[in-house]
Structure formats: C-alpha cells, structure tokens
Amino acid sequence: MPQFHALFLLELVVFGGAAIAWGLWELHSTNKAIRKREAEEAAQREQASE
C-alpha cells in the first residue's frame, strides 16, 4: 500500500498548504482593514482639531 501512503501525504501537503495560504490571506485582509480604519480615524481627528 505505498501508493495510498503517497496519496495521503500529497493530500496532507495540499490541504496544509491551502490552510496556511488561507490563514495568511485572512491576516493580510485584517491588517489592511485595521490600517484603513486607523487612517480614517486619524483624518476625522485632524478635521475635528481644525
């Protein structure tokens, strides 16, 4: 059954890689949203101080 073992490892690599890629994408999207919100809040503070 070495073919089954190789297929299992291939699936492990594929799904593991997909999970890592999804996690990194979520992290990137979250950081992007946080930076955008912080920039909007800073702009509002600047307008309020004028």
N, C-alpha and C. Protein backbone atom coordinates (compact mmCIF):
# COMPACT_ATOMS: atom_id res chain seq x y z
N MET A 1 0.80 -1.22 0.00
CA MET A 1 0.00 0.00 0.00
C MET A 1 0.84 1.28 0.00
N PRO A 2 2.00 1.32 -0.64
CA PRO A 2 2.78 2.57 -0.64
C PRO A 2 2.09 3.67 -1.45
N GLN A 3 1.27 3.27 -2.43
CA GLN A 3 0.57 4.29 -3.22
C GLN A 3 -0.41 5.06 -2.34
N PHE A 4 -1.11 4.34 -1.46
CA PHE A 4 -2.06 5.00 -0.57
C PHE A 4 -1.33 5.97 0.35
N HIS A 5 -0.18 5.57 0.83
CA HIS A 5 0.61 6.42 1.72
C HIS A 5 1.06 7.69 1.00
N ALA A 6 1.50 7.53 -0.24
CA ALA A 6 1.94 8.69 -1.02
C ALA A 6 0.77 9.63 -1.29
N LEU A 7 -0.40 9.06 -1.59
CA LEU A 7 -1.58 9.89 -1.83
C LEU A 7 -1.96 10.65 -0.56
N PHE A 8 -1.90 9.98 0.57
CA PHE A 8 -2.21 10.63 1.84
C PHE A 8 -1.26 11.79 2.11
N LEU A 9 0.03 11.58 1.87
CA LEU A 9 0.99 12.66 2.09
C LEU A 9 0.76 13.82 1.13
N LEU A 10 0.41 13.48 -0.11
CA LEU A 10 0.12 14.54 -1.08
C LEU A 10 -1.08 15.37 -0.64
N GLU A 11 -2.14 14.70 -0.17
CA GLU A 11 -3.31 15.42 0.32
C GLU A 11 -2.96 16.27 1.53
N LEU A 12 -2.13 15.72 2.40
CA LEU A 12 -1.71 16.47 3.58
C LEU A 12 -0.99 17.75 3.19
N VAL A 13 -0.09 17.64 2.22
CA VAL A 13 0.66 18.82 1.76
C VAL A 13 -0.28 19.83 1.10
N VAL A 14 -1.17 19.34 0.24
CA VAL A 14 -2.08 20.24 -0.49
C VAL A 14 -3.01 20.96 0.47
N PHE A 15 -3.69 20.20 1.36
CA PHE A 15 -4.64 20.83 2.26
C PHE A 15 -3.94 21.66 3.34
N GLY A 16 -2.76 21.20 3.77
CA GLY A 16 -1.99 22.00 4.72
C GLY A 16 -1.56 23.32 4.10
N GLY A 17 -1.09 23.27 2.88
CA GLY A 17 -0.70 24.49 2.18
C GLY A 17 -1.88 25.42 1.95
N ALA A 18 -3.02 24.85 1.61
CA ALA A 18 -4.21 25.67 1.41
C ALA A 18 -4.63 26.34 2.72
N ALA A 19 -4.55 25.60 3.82
CA ALA A 19 -4.92 26.17 5.12
C ALA A 19 -3.97 27.30 5.51
N ILE A 20 -2.69 27.11 5.26
CA ILE A 20 -1.70 28.16 5.56
C ILE A 20 -1.95 29.39 4.69
N ALA A 21 -2.19 29.16 3.40
CA ALA A 21 -2.45 30.28 2.49
C ALA A 21 -3.71 31.04 2.90
N TRP A 22 -4.76 30.32 3.29
CA TRP A 22 -6.00 30.97 3.73
C TRP A 22 -5.75 31.79 4.99
N GLY A 23 -4.99 31.23 5.92
CA GLY A 23 -4.69 31.95 7.16
C GLY A 23 -3.90 33.21 6.89
N LEU A 24 -2.91 33.13 6.01
CA LEU A 24 -2.13 34.32 5.68
C LEU A 24 -2.98 35.37 4.98
N TRP A 25 -3.90 34.93 4.11
CA TRP A 25 -4.78 35.87 3.43
C TRP A 25 -5.69 36.58 4.43
N GLU A 26 -6.25 35.82 5.39
CA GLU A 26 -7.10 36.42 6.43
C GLU A 26 -6.30 37.44 7.24
N LEU A 27 -5.07 37.09 7.59
CA LEU A 27 -4.23 38.01 8.35
C LEU A 27 -3.97 39.28 7.56
N HIS A 28 -3.65 39.14 6.27
CA HIS A 28 -3.39 40.29 5.41
C HIS A 28 -4.64 41.18 5.31
N SER A 29 -5.81 40.56 5.10
CA SER A 29 -7.05 41.32 4.97
C SER A 29 -7.38 42.06 6.26
N THR A 30 -7.17 41.40 7.38
CA THR A 30 -7.45 42.03 8.67
C THR A 30 -6.53 43.22 8.90
N ASN A 31 -5.24 43.04 8.64
CA ASN A 31 -4.29 44.14 8.82
C ASN A 31 -4.63 45.31 7.90
N LYS A 32 -5.05 44.99 6.68
CA LYS A 32 -5.41 46.04 5.73
C LYS A 32 -6.62 46.83 6.23
N ALA A 33 -7.61 46.11 6.76
CA ALA A 33 -8.81 46.76 7.27
C ALA A 33 -8.49 47.62 8.50
N ILE A 34 -7.61 47.12 9.35
CA ILE A 34 -7.23 47.88 10.55
C ILE A 34 -6.51 49.17 10.14
N ARG A 35 -5.57 49.06 9.21
CA ARG A 35 -4.85 50.26 8.76
C ARG A 35 -5.80 51.27 8.14
N LYS A 36 -6.77 50.80 7.36
CA LYS A 36 -7.73 51.70 6.73
C LYS A 36 -8.56 52.42 7.78
N ARG A 37 -9.03 51.65 8.79
CA ARG A 37 -9.83 52.26 9.84
C ARG A 37 -9.02 53.28 10.65
N GLU A 38 -7.76 52.95 10.94
CA GLU A 38 -6.92 53.88 11.69
C GLU A 38 -6.68 55.16 10.89
N ALA A 39 -6.50 55.03 9.58
CA ALA A 39 -6.30 56.21 8.74
C ALA A 39 -7.56 57.08 8.72
N GLU A 40 -8.73 56.44 8.66
CA GLU A 40 -9.98 57.20 8.67
C GLU A 40 -10.17 57.91 10.00
N GLU A 41 -9.84 57.25 11.11
CA GLU A 41 -9.97 57.87 12.43
C GLU A 41 -9.01 59.04 12.57
N ALA A 42 -7.79 58.90 12.05
CA ALA A 42 -6.81 59.99 12.12
C ALA A 42 -7.30 61.18 11.30
N ALA A 43 -7.90 60.91 10.14
CA ALA A 43 -8.42 62.02 9.31
C ALA A 43 -9.55 62.73 10.04
N GLN A 44 -10.41 61.97 10.72
CA GLN A 44 -11.50 62.60 11.47
C GLN A 44 -10.96 63.44 12.61
N ARG A 45 -9.93 62.96 13.29
CA ARG A 45 -9.32 63.74 14.39
C ARG A 45 -8.72 65.03 13.86
N GLU A 46 -8.08 64.97 12.69
CA GLU A 46 -7.49 66.17 12.10
C GLU A 46 -8.58 67.18 11.75
N GLN A 47 -9.69 66.70 11.20
CA GLN A 47 -10.79 67.60 10.85
C GLN A 47 -11.39 68.23 12.11
N ALA A 48 -11.53 67.45 13.16
CA ALA A 48 -12.12 67.95 14.41
C ALA A 48 -11.20 68.98 15.07
N SER A 49 -9.90 68.85 14.91
CA SER A 49 -8.98 69.78 15.57
C SER A 49 -8.85 71.10 14.81
N GLU A 50 -9.30 71.12 13.56
CA GLU A 50 -9.20 72.38 12.78
C GLU A 50 -10.28 73.36 13.16
